[in-house]
Amino acid sequence: MWGALEMLIFFEVINCLVVLSSVVIYFVAYCVTSDERLLFDTHIHGLTGYVAAVCVAVKQIMPDHVLFKLPIAGTIKFRNRNLPLLLLLGLVIVCAAKLTEWVYFWMFLCGTYAGFIYLRYLQKHSNGARGDESEAFDFATFFPNVLQPPVGRVVNVFHAILVKLRILKKHQRKYNFAESLPTGITVTLPGSSHLDAERRKQIALKALNDRLKSPELLPQASASTASAWPSLVDETEDVETASAGELSVPDIVEGQKTPLLHVENEK
């Protein structure tokens, strides 16, 4: 899916959308404030918007990969799904400290949204579908879990408006029942089957690796191994006891033969 041609298309589309949206933002700001510096002293350049779009693509492909952990309130894990928002907040701090210009903040914000629009609705996949309609790639997933429900409701309202204006298409789920297979049913979810399968595969492999590396399993494994395999010391003691018993039987029998013979002679 991410070949050289797809990367080139992604690069061109994102940069064009970032430049156009940034120009619109500064033109609207000029109309509101009448500050000519917003038009003549603002330079829109660089790959800040493209970096933001790449972060969105990383979030789409590997959303649950852990970047780093902080020992705060237990353990806080920062994953790839939090990467765009973390970088955006960091850029706000840098711009507020006047270490760089605010134009880079707007370029990053426009790049994030442009990357989401392209990957969500426009990107063409090998199976002929367009975009990624899975719930794991909703716009609300860019925010923390506490803010996802209200953000999701607002996004659904705007999405419904755009669907009524025929700018976007409504999410469709098609179910194809194979008539040639009397006992089989084929369910096809266009645009999300391949991506969801890859995500579930990665999540399952990661959970399995974490489970195998868990220290809680080590005592149980040692205990089960100890119970499954017999002790060599016990086997040695059993062998010595058995050998001693075998050697004592002839002595008893030989000791009994003499009295028996004497009895017969006496008779």
C-alpha atoms as a PDB file:
ATOM      1  CA  MET A   1       0.000   0.000   0.000  1.00  0.00           C
ATOM      2  CA  TRP A   2       2.855   2.401   0.807  1.00  0.00           C
ATOM      3  CA  GLY A   3       4.942   2.149  -2.341  1.00  0.00           C
ATOM      4  CA  ALA A   4       7.050   4.866  -3.947  1.00  0.00           C
ATOM      5  CA  LEU A   5       4.150   6.167  -6.047  1.00  0.00           C
ATOM      6  CA  GLU A   6       1.788   6.268  -3.072  1.00  0.00           C
ATOM      7  CA  MET A   7       4.352   8.174  -1.008  1.00  0.00           C
ATOM      8  CA  LEU A   8       4.780  10.696  -3.829  1.00  0.00           C
ATOM      9  CA  ILE A   9       1.013  11.200  -4.116  1.00  0.00           C
ATOM     10  CA  PHE A  10       0.733  11.526  -0.356  1.00  0.00           C
ATOM     11  CA  PHE A  11       3.558  14.100  -0.315  1.00  0.00           C
ATOM     12  CA  GLU A  12       2.030  16.229  -3.058  1.00  0.00           C
ATOM     13  CA  VAL A  13      -1.537  16.118  -1.757  1.00  0.00           C
ATOM     14  CA  ILE A  14      -0.584  16.943   1.829  1.00  0.00           C
ATOM     15  CA  ASN A  15       1.692  19.840   0.939  1.00  0.00           C
ATOM     16  CA  CYS A  16      -0.864  21.373  -1.421  1.00  0.00           C
ATOM     17  CA  LEU A  17      -3.618  21.119   1.189  1.00  0.00           C
ATOM     18  CA  VAL A  18      -1.370  22.541   3.919  1.00  0.00           C
ATOM     19  CA  VAL A  19      -0.365  25.553   1.819  1.00  0.00           C
ATOM     20  CA  LEU A  20      -3.927  26.314   0.704  1.00  0.00           C
ATOM     21  CA  SER A  21      -5.414  25.959   4.176  1.00  0.00           C
ATOM     22  CA  SER A  22      -2.653  28.060   5.773  1.00  0.00           C
ATOM     23  CA  VAL A  23      -3.183  30.815   3.212  1.00  0.00           C
ATOM     24  CA  VAL A  24      -6.920  30.788   3.920  1.00  0.00           C
ATOM     25  CA  ILE A  25      -6.300  31.008   7.688  1.00  0.00           C
ATOM     26  CA  TYR A  26      -3.991  34.020   7.378  1.00  0.00           C
ATOM     27  CA  PHE A  27      -6.246  35.740   4.860  1.00  0.00           C
ATOM     28  CA  VAL A  28      -9.213  35.381   7.219  1.00  0.00           C
ATOM     29  CA  ALA A  29      -7.047  36.664  10.065  1.00  0.00           C
ATOM     30  CA  TYR A  30      -6.103  39.673   7.916  1.00  0.00           C
ATOM     31  CA  CYS A  31      -9.766  40.382   7.142  1.00  0.00           C
ATOM     32  CA  VAL A  32     -10.567  40.345  10.857  1.00  0.00           C
ATOM     33  CA  THR A  33      -7.576  42.318  12.174  1.00  0.00           C
ATOM     34  CA  SER A  34      -6.563  44.391   9.082  1.00  0.00           C
ATOM     35  CA  ASP A  35      -2.960  43.674   9.962  1.00  0.00           C
ATOM     36  CA  GLU A  36      -0.910  43.773   6.758  1.00  0.00           C
ATOM     37  CA  ARG A  37       1.952  41.909   8.390  1.00  0.00           C
ATOM     38  CA  LEU A  38      -0.145  38.743   8.247  1.00  0.00           C
ATOM     39  CA  LEU A  39      -0.045  38.969   4.446  1.00  0.00           C
ATOM     40  CA  PHE A  40       3.431  40.322   3.696  1.00  0.00           C
ATOM     41  CA  ASP A  41       5.567  39.242   6.656  1.00  0.00           C
ATOM     42  CA  THR A  42       4.351  35.644   6.925  1.00  0.00           C
ATOM     43  CA  HIS A  43       6.379  32.969   5.122  1.00  0.00           C
ATOM     44  CA  ILE A  44       4.762  29.566   4.629  1.00  0.00           C
ATOM     45  CA  HIS A  45       7.509  27.048   3.898  1.00  0.00           C
ATOM     46  CA  GLY A  46       8.995  23.806   5.155  1.00  0.00           C
ATOM     47  CA  LEU A  47       7.730  20.285   5.743  1.00  0.00           C
ATOM     48  CA  THR A  48       6.001  20.843   9.065  1.00  0.00           C
ATOM     49  CA  GLY A  49       2.618  19.900   7.623  1.00  0.00           C
ATOM     50  CA  TYR A  50       4.024  16.784   5.973  1.00  0.00           C
ATOM     51  CA  VAL A  51       5.613  15.652   9.262  1.00  0.00           C
ATOM     52  CA  ALA A  52       2.200  15.996  10.919  1.00  0.00           C
ATOM     53  CA  ALA A  53       0.587  13.894   8.179  1.00  0.00           C
ATOM     54  CA  VAL A  54       3.262  11.211   8.597  1.00  0.00           C
ATOM     55  CA  CYS A  55       2.438  11.105  12.319  1.00  0.00           C
ATOM     56  CA  VAL A  56      -1.198  10.510  11.384  1.00  0.00           C
ATOM     57  CA  ALA A  57      -0.146   7.669   9.052  1.00  0.00           C
ATOM     58  CA  VAL A  58       1.916   6.100  11.850  1.00  0.00           C
ATOM     59  CA  LYS A  59      -1.102   6.342  14.138  1.00  0.00           C
ATOM     60  CA  GLN A  60      -3.209   4.568  11.517  1.00  0.00           C
ATOM     61  CA  ILE A  61      -0.770   1.698  10.962  1.00  0.00           C
ATOM     62  CA  MET A  62       0.480   1.063  14.526  1.00  0.00           C
ATOM     63  CA  PRO A  63      -1.856   2.851  16.942  1.00  0.00           C
ATOM     64  CA  ASP A  64      -1.047   0.764  20.050  1.00  0.00           C
ATOM     65  CA  HIS A  65       2.740   0.815  19.847  1.00  0.00           C
ATOM     66  CA  VAL A  66       4.134   2.228  23.130  1.00  0.00           C
ATOM     67  CA  LEU A  67       6.514   5.169  22.651  1.00  0.00           C
ATOM     68  CA  PHE A  68       7.497   5.708  26.293  1.00  0.00           C
ATOM     69  CA  LYS A  69       6.142   5.355  29.828  1.00  0.00           C
ATOM     70  CA  LEU A  70       5.942   7.775  32.727  1.00  0.00           C
ATOM     71  CA  PRO A  71       5.689   6.584  36.366  1.00  0.00           C
ATOM     72  CA  ILE A  72       2.897   9.051  37.163  1.00  0.00           C
ATOM     73  CA  ALA A  73      -0.329   7.814  38.829  1.00  0.00           C
ATOM     74  CA  GLY A  74       0.801   4.264  38.331  1.00  0.00           C
ATOM     75  CA  THR A  75       2.161   4.109  34.792  1.00  0.00           C
ATOM     76  CA  ILE A  76       1.077   6.358  31.940  1.00  0.00           C
ATOM     77  CA  LYS A  77       1.793   4.923  28.504  1.00  0.00           C
ATOM     78  CA  PHE A  78       2.140   7.189  25.490  1.00  0.00           C
ATOM     79  CA  ARG A  79       1.318   5.375  22.276  1.00  0.00           C
ATOM     80  CA  ASN A  80       1.408   6.238  18.580  1.00  0.00           C
ATOM     81  CA  ARG A  81      -2.225   7.297  18.768  1.00  0.00           C
ATOM     82  CA  ASN A  82      -1.138  10.162  21.059  1.00  0.00           C
ATOM     83  CA  LEU A  83       1.751  11.265  18.840  1.00  0.00           C
ATOM     84  CA  PRO A  84      -0.005  14.019  16.784  1.00  0.00           C
ATOM     85  CA  LEU A  85      -1.566  15.635  19.849  1.00  0.00           C
ATOM     86  CA  LEU A  86       1.692  15.470  21.843  1.00  0.00           C
ATOM     87  CA  LEU A  87       3.670  17.143  19.074  1.00  0.00           C
ATOM     88  CA  LEU A  88       0.957  19.757  18.617  1.00  0.00           C
ATOM     89  CA  LEU A  89       1.011  20.622  22.322  1.00  0.00           C
ATOM     90  CA  GLY A  90       4.795  20.770  22.270  1.00  0.00           C
ATOM     91  CA  LEU A  91       4.665  23.124  19.302  1.00  0.00           C
ATOM     92  CA  VAL A  92       2.228  25.362  21.198  1.00  0.00           C
ATOM     93  CA  ILE A  93       4.720  25.629  24.068  1.00  0.00           C
ATOM     94  CA  VAL A  94       7.584  26.401  21.695  1.00  0.00           C
ATOM     95  CA  CYS A  95       5.593  29.070  19.851  1.00  0.00           C
ATOM     96  CA  ALA A  96       4.323  30.605  23.102  1.00  0.00           C
ATOM     97  CA  ALA A  97       7.928  30.891  24.283  1.00  0.00           C
ATOM     98  CA  LYS A  98       8.692  32.755  21.010  1.00  0.00           C
ATOM     99  CA  LEU A  99      11.278  30.199  19.993  1.00  0.00           C
ATOM    100  CA  THR A 100       9.637  29.881  16.566  1.00  0.00           C
ATOM    101  CA  GLU A 101       6.839  31.462  14.567  1.00  0.00           C
ATOM    102  CA  TRP A 102       3.169  30.615  14.928  1.00  0.00           C
ATOM    103  CA  VAL A 103       2.962  29.760  11.242  1.00  0.00           C
ATOM    104  CA  TYR A 104       4.499  26.375  12.005  1.00  0.00           C
ATOM    105  CA  PHE A 105       1.757  25.661  14.493  1.00  0.00           C
ATOM    106  CA  TRP A 106      -0.909  26.331  11.862  1.00  0.00           C
ATOM    107  CA  MET A 107       0.980  24.288   9.300  1.00  0.00           C
ATOM    108  CA  PHE A 108       1.196  21.349  11.708  1.00  0.00           C
ATOM    109  CA  LEU A 109      -2.500  21.638  12.549  1.00  0.00           C
ATOM    110  CA  CYS A 110      -3.465  21.802   8.867  1.00  0.00           C
ATOM    111  CA  GLY A 111      -1.129  18.892   8.079  1.00  0.00           C
ATOM    112  CA  THR A 112      -2.733  16.758  10.785  1.00  0.00           C
ATOM    113  CA  TYR A 113      -6.212  17.418   9.464  1.00  0.00           C
ATOM    114  CA  ALA A 114      -5.127  17.029   5.821  1.00  0.00           C
ATOM    115  CA  GLY A 115      -3.486  13.691   6.592  1.00  0.00           C
ATOM    116  CA  PHE A 116      -6.627  12.497   8.340  1.00  0.00           C
ATOM    117  CA  ILE A 117      -8.855  13.582   5.427  1.00  0.00           C
ATOM    118  CA  TYR A 118      -6.642  11.857   2.860  1.00  0.00           C
ATOM    119  CA  LEU A 119      -6.231   8.605   4.795  1.00  0.00           C
ATOM    120  CA  ARG A 120      -9.844   8.528   5.965  1.00  0.00           C
ATOM    121  CA  TYR A 121     -11.650   9.282   2.701  1.00  0.00           C
ATOM    122  CA  LEU A 122      -9.319   9.546  -0.313  1.00  0.00           C
ATOM    123  CA  GLN A 123      -6.555   6.936  -0.196  1.00  0.00           C
ATOM    124  CA  LYS A 124      -7.153   4.092  -2.627  1.00  0.00           C
ATOM    125  CA  HIS A 125      -6.394   0.554  -1.450  1.00  0.00           C
ATOM    126  CA  SER A 126      -5.455  -2.565  -3.361  1.00  0.00           C
ATOM    127  CA  ASN A 127      -8.941  -4.057  -2.945  1.00  0.00           C
ATOM    128  CA  GLY A 128     -10.536  -1.087  -4.754  1.00  0.00           C
ATOM    129  CA  ALA A 129     -11.897   0.615  -1.627  1.00  0.00           C
ATOM    130  CA  ARG A 130     -11.110   4.162  -0.623  1.00  0.00           C
ATOM    131  CA  GLY A 131     -10.211   5.444   2.808  1.00  0.00           C
ATOM    132  CA  ASP A 132     -10.266   3.817   6.217  1.00  0.00           C
ATOM    133  CA  GLU A 133     -13.736   3.657   7.758  1.00  0.00           C
ATOM    134  CA  SER A 134     -12.723   1.691  10.829  1.00  0.00           C
ATOM    135  CA  GLU A 135     -13.662   2.938  14.288  1.00  0.00           C
ATOM    136  CA  ALA A 136     -10.026   2.789  15.395  1.00  0.00           C
ATOM    137  CA  PHE A 137      -9.286   5.664  13.016  1.00  0.00           C
ATOM    138  CA  ASP A 138     -12.102   8.018  14.009  1.00  0.00           C
ATOM    139  CA  PHE A 139     -11.229  11.662  14.471  1.00  0.00           C
ATOM    140  CA  ALA A 140     -12.118  11.380  18.172  1.00  0.00           C
ATOM    141  CA  THR A 141      -9.281   8.877  18.702  1.00  0.00           C
ATOM    142  CA  PHE A 142      -6.770  11.728  18.325  1.00  0.00           C
ATOM    143  CA  PHE A 143      -7.886  13.001  21.731  1.00  0.00           C
ATOM    144  CA  PRO A 144      -7.569  11.459  25.224  1.00  0.00           C
ATOM    145  CA  ASN A 145     -10.144   8.909  26.306  1.00  0.00           C
ATOM    146  CA  VAL A 146     -11.943  11.423  28.525  1.00  0.00           C
ATOM    147  CA  LEU A 147     -12.554  13.812  25.617  1.00  0.00           C
ATOM    148  CA  GLN A 148     -13.442  11.213  22.991  1.00  0.00           C
ATOM    149  CA  PRO A 149     -17.244  10.995  23.693  1.00  0.00           C
ATOM    150  CA  PRO A 150     -17.977  14.756  23.376  1.00  0.00           C
ATOM    151  CA  VAL A 151     -15.601  15.140  20.429  1.00  0.00           C
ATOM    152  CA  GLY A 152     -17.209  12.148  18.746  1.00  0.00           C
ATOM    153  CA  ARG A 153     -20.677  13.692  19.055  1.00  0.00           C
ATOM    154  CA  VAL A 154     -19.503  16.977  17.519  1.00  0.00           C
ATOM    155  CA  VAL A 155     -17.708  15.167  14.687  1.00  0.00           C
ATOM    156  CA  ASN A 156     -20.801  13.057  13.967  1.00  0.00           C
ATOM    157  CA  VAL A 157     -22.907  16.214  13.605  1.00  0.00           C
ATOM    158  CA  PHE A 158     -20.480  17.748  11.110  1.00  0.00           C
ATOM    159  CA  HIS A 159     -20.192  14.430   9.269  1.00  0.00           C
ATOM    160  CA  ALA A 160     -23.983  14.197   8.943  1.00  0.00           C
ATOM    161  CA  ILE A 161     -24.086  17.745   7.540  1.00  0.00           C
ATOM    162  CA  LEU A 162     -21.395  16.954   4.979  1.00  0.00           C
ATOM    163  CA  VAL A 163     -23.219  13.765   4.000  1.00  0.00           C
ATOM    164  CA  LYS A 164     -26.449  15.708   3.413  1.00  0.00           C
ATOM    165  CA  LEU A 165     -24.534  18.213   1.290  1.00  0.00           C
ATOM    166  CA  ARG A 166     -23.154  15.220  -0.664  1.00  0.00           C
ATOM    167  CA  ILE A 167     -19.591  16.235   0.057  1.00  0.00           C
ATOM    168  CA  LEU A 168     -18.928  12.955   1.865  1.00  0.00           C
ATOM    169  CA  LYS A 169     -20.493   9.567   1.428  1.00  0.00           C
ATOM    170  CA  LYS A 170     -22.292   7.760   4.195  1.00  0.00           C
ATOM    171  CA  HIS A 171     -20.505   4.798   5.737  1.00  0.00           C
ATOM    172  CA  GLN A 172     -21.774   1.660   4.077  1.00  0.00           C
ATOM    173  CA  ARG A 173     -21.379  -1.909   5.211  1.00  0.00           C
ATOM    174  CA  LYS A 174     -22.102  -4.595   2.665  1.00  0.00           C
ATOM    175  CA  TYR A 175     -22.763  -8.226   3.510  1.00  0.00           C
ATOM    176  CA  ASN A 176     -22.284 -10.681   0.665  1.00  0.00           C
ATOM    177  CA  PHE A 177     -23.740 -14.133   1.282  1.00  0.00           C
ATOM    178  CA  ALA A 178     -22.085 -16.695  -0.941  1.00  0.00           C
ATOM    179  CA  GLU A 179     -24.748 -18.826  -2.604  1.00  0.00           C
ATOM    180  CA  SER A 180     -22.209 -21.282  -3.936  1.00  0.00           C
ATOM    181  CA  LEU A 181     -21.234 -22.333  -0.413  1.00  0.00           C
ATOM    182  CA  PRO A 182     -24.225 -24.011   1.277  1.00  0.00           C
ATOM    183  CA  THR A 183     -22.695 -23.853   4.756  1.00  0.00           C
ATOM    184  CA  GLY A 184     -20.443 -20.829   4.413  1.00  0.00           C
ATOM    185  CA  ILE A 185     -21.122 -17.120   4.730  1.00  0.00           C
ATOM    186  CA  THR A 186     -18.801 -14.459   3.376  1.00  0.00           C
ATOM    187  CA  VAL A 187     -18.975 -11.065   5.041  1.00  0.00           C
ATOM    188  CA  THR A 188     -17.255  -8.165   3.293  1.00  0.00           C
ATOM    189  CA  LEU A 189     -16.649  -4.814   4.980  1.00  0.00           C
ATOM    190  CA  PRO A 190     -15.196  -2.527   2.314  1.00  0.00           C
ATOM    191  CA  GLY A 191     -12.378  -0.221   3.274  1.00  0.00           C
ATOM    192  CA  SER A 192     -11.754  -1.668   6.696  1.00  0.00           C
ATOM    193  CA  SER A 193     -11.265  -5.444   6.486  1.00  0.00           C
ATOM    194  CA  HIS A 194      -7.565  -5.465   5.591  1.00  0.00           C
ATOM    195  CA  LEU A 195      -6.569  -2.654   7.942  1.00  0.00           C
ATOM    196  CA  ASP A 196      -8.598  -4.007  10.853  1.00  0.00           C
ATOM    197  CA  ALA A 197      -7.108  -7.462  10.338  1.00  0.00           C
ATOM    198  CA  GLU A 198      -3.576  -6.041  10.451  1.00  0.00           C
ATOM    199  CA  ARG A 199      -4.353  -4.053  13.608  1.00  0.00           C
ATOM    200  CA  ARG A 200      -5.869  -7.071  15.360  1.00  0.00           C
ATOM    201  CA  LYS A 201      -2.882  -9.188  14.340  1.00  0.00           C
ATOM    202  CA  GLN A 202      -0.412  -6.696  15.751  1.00  0.00           C
ATOM    203  CA  ILE A 203      -2.412  -6.288  18.962  1.00  0.00           C
ATOM    204  CA  ALA A 204      -2.649 -10.057  19.431  1.00  0.00           C
ATOM    205  CA  LEU A 205       1.073 -10.596  18.841  1.00  0.00           C
ATOM    206  CA  LYS A 206       1.994  -7.807  21.233  1.00  0.00           C
ATOM    207  CA  ALA A 207      -0.350  -9.135  23.914  1.00  0.00           C
ATOM    208  CA  LEU A 208       1.099 -12.626  23.490  1.00  0.00           C
ATOM    209  CA  ASN A 209       4.675 -11.345  23.806  1.00  0.00           C
ATOM    210  CA  ASP A 210       3.815  -9.327  26.900  1.00  0.00           C
ATOM    211  CA  ARG A 211       2.074 -12.333  28.412  1.00  0.00           C
ATOM    212  CA  LEU A 212       5.051 -14.602  27.795  1.00  0.00           C
ATOM    213  CA  LYS A 213       7.452 -12.036  29.268  1.00  0.00           C
ATOM    214  CA  SER A 214       5.315 -11.470  32.359  1.00  0.00           C
ATOM    215  CA  PRO A 215       7.173 -12.320  35.596  1.00  0.00           C
ATOM    216  CA  GLU A 216       3.966 -13.670  37.114  1.00  0.00           C
ATOM    217  CA  LEU A 217       4.181 -16.727  34.905  1.00  0.00           C
ATOM    218  CA  LEU A 218       7.673 -17.721  36.067  1.00  0.00           C
ATOM    219  CA  PRO A 219       6.704 -19.156  39.524  1.00  0.00           C
ATOM    220  CA  GLN A 220       3.751 -20.976  38.032  1.00  0.00           C
ATOM    221  CA  ALA A 221       5.883 -22.359  35.244  1.00  0.00           C
ATOM    222  CA  SER A 222       8.559 -23.563  37.682  1.00  0.00           C
ATOM    223  CA  ALA A 223       5.935 -25.149  39.941  1.00  0.00           C
ATOM    224  CA  SER A 224       4.231 -26.917  37.067  1.00  0.00           C
ATOM    225  CA  THR A 225       7.585 -28.071  35.719  1.00  0.00           C
ATOM    226  CA  ALA A 226       8.575 -29.408  39.116  1.00  0.00           C
ATOM    227  CA  SER A 227       5.330 -31.322  39.454  1.00  0.00           C
ATOM    228  CA  ALA A 228       5.522 -32.646  35.906  1.00  0.00           C
ATOM    229  CA  TRP A 229       9.091 -33.991  36.127  1.00  0.00           C
ATOM    230  CA  PRO A 230       9.908 -36.568  38.869  1.00  0.00           C
ATOM    231  CA  SER A 231      12.803 -35.997  41.200  1.00  0.00           C
ATOM    232  CA  LEU A 232      16.021 -37.866  40.455  1.00  0.00           C
ATOM    233  CA  VAL A 233      16.731 -38.279  44.164  1.00  0.00           C
ATOM    234  CA  ASP A 234      13.446 -40.096  44.726  1.00  0.00           C
ATOM    235  CA  GLU A 235      14.105 -42.363  41.762  1.00  0.00           C
ATOM    236  CA  THR A 236      17.580 -43.198  43.086  1.00  0.00           C
ATOM    237  CA  GLU A 237      16.213 -44.023  46.520  1.00  0.00           C
ATOM    238  CA  ASP A 238      13.506 -46.232  44.974  1.00  0.00           C
ATOM    239  CA  VAL A 239      16.082 -48.069  42.890  1.00  0.00           C
ATOM    240  CA  GLU A 240      18.315 -48.656  45.889  1.00  0.00           C
ATOM    241  CA  THR A 241      15.362 -49.915  47.962  1.00  0.00           C
ATOM    242  CA  ALA A 242      14.215 -52.199  45.187  1.00  0.00           C
ATOM    243  CA  SER A 243      17.717 -53.598  44.695  1.00  0.00           C
ATOM    244  CA  ALA A 244      18.101 -54.164  48.413  1.00  0.00           C
ATOM    245  CA  GLY A 245      14.793 -56.011  48.488  1.00  0.00           C
ATOM    246  CA  GLU A 246      15.812 -58.254  45.596  1.00  0.00           C
ATOM    247  CA  LEU A 247      19.031 -59.145  47.308  1.00  0.00           C
ATOM    248  CA  SER A 248      17.317 -60.023  50.607  1.00  0.00           C
ATOM    249  CA  VAL A 249      14.847 -62.507  49.106  1.00  0.00           C
ATOM    250  CA  PRO A 250      17.404 -65.238  48.328  1.00  0.00           C
ATOM    251  CA  ASP A 251      18.850 -64.912  51.816  1.00  0.00           C
ATOM    252  CA  ILE A 252      15.464 -65.509  53.357  1.00  0.00           C
ATOM    253  CA  VAL A 253      14.783 -68.424  51.096  1.00  0.00           C
ATOM    254  CA  GLU A 254      18.207 -69.938  51.722  1.00  0.00           C
ATOM    255  CA  GLY A 255      17.689 -69.472  55.433  1.00  0.00           C
ATOM    256  CA  GLN A 256      14.408 -71.345  55.210  1.00  0.00           C
ATOM    257  CA  LYS A 257      15.830 -74.201  53.165  1.00  0.00           C
ATOM    258  CA  THR A 258      17.963 -75.564  55.962  1.00  0.00           C
ATOM    259  CA  PRO A 259      15.186 -75.951  58.516  1.00  0.00           C
ATOM    260  CA  LEU A 260      12.982 -77.570  55.909  1.00  0.00           C
ATOM    261  CA  LEU A 261      15.681 -80.082  55.017  1.00  0.00           C
ATOM    262  CA  HIS A 262      16.241 -80.916  58.656  1.00  0.00           C
ATOM    263  CA  VAL A 263      12.591 -81.556  59.155  1.00  0.00           C
ATOM    264  CA  GLU A 264      12.505 -83.938  56.197  1.00  0.00           C
ATOM    265  CA  ASN A 265      15.533 -85.824  57.498  1.00  0.00           C
ATOM    266  CA  GLU A 266      13.979 -86.150  60.898  1.00  0.00           C
ATOM    267  CA  LYS A 267      10.872 -87.612  59.349  1.00  0.00           C
END
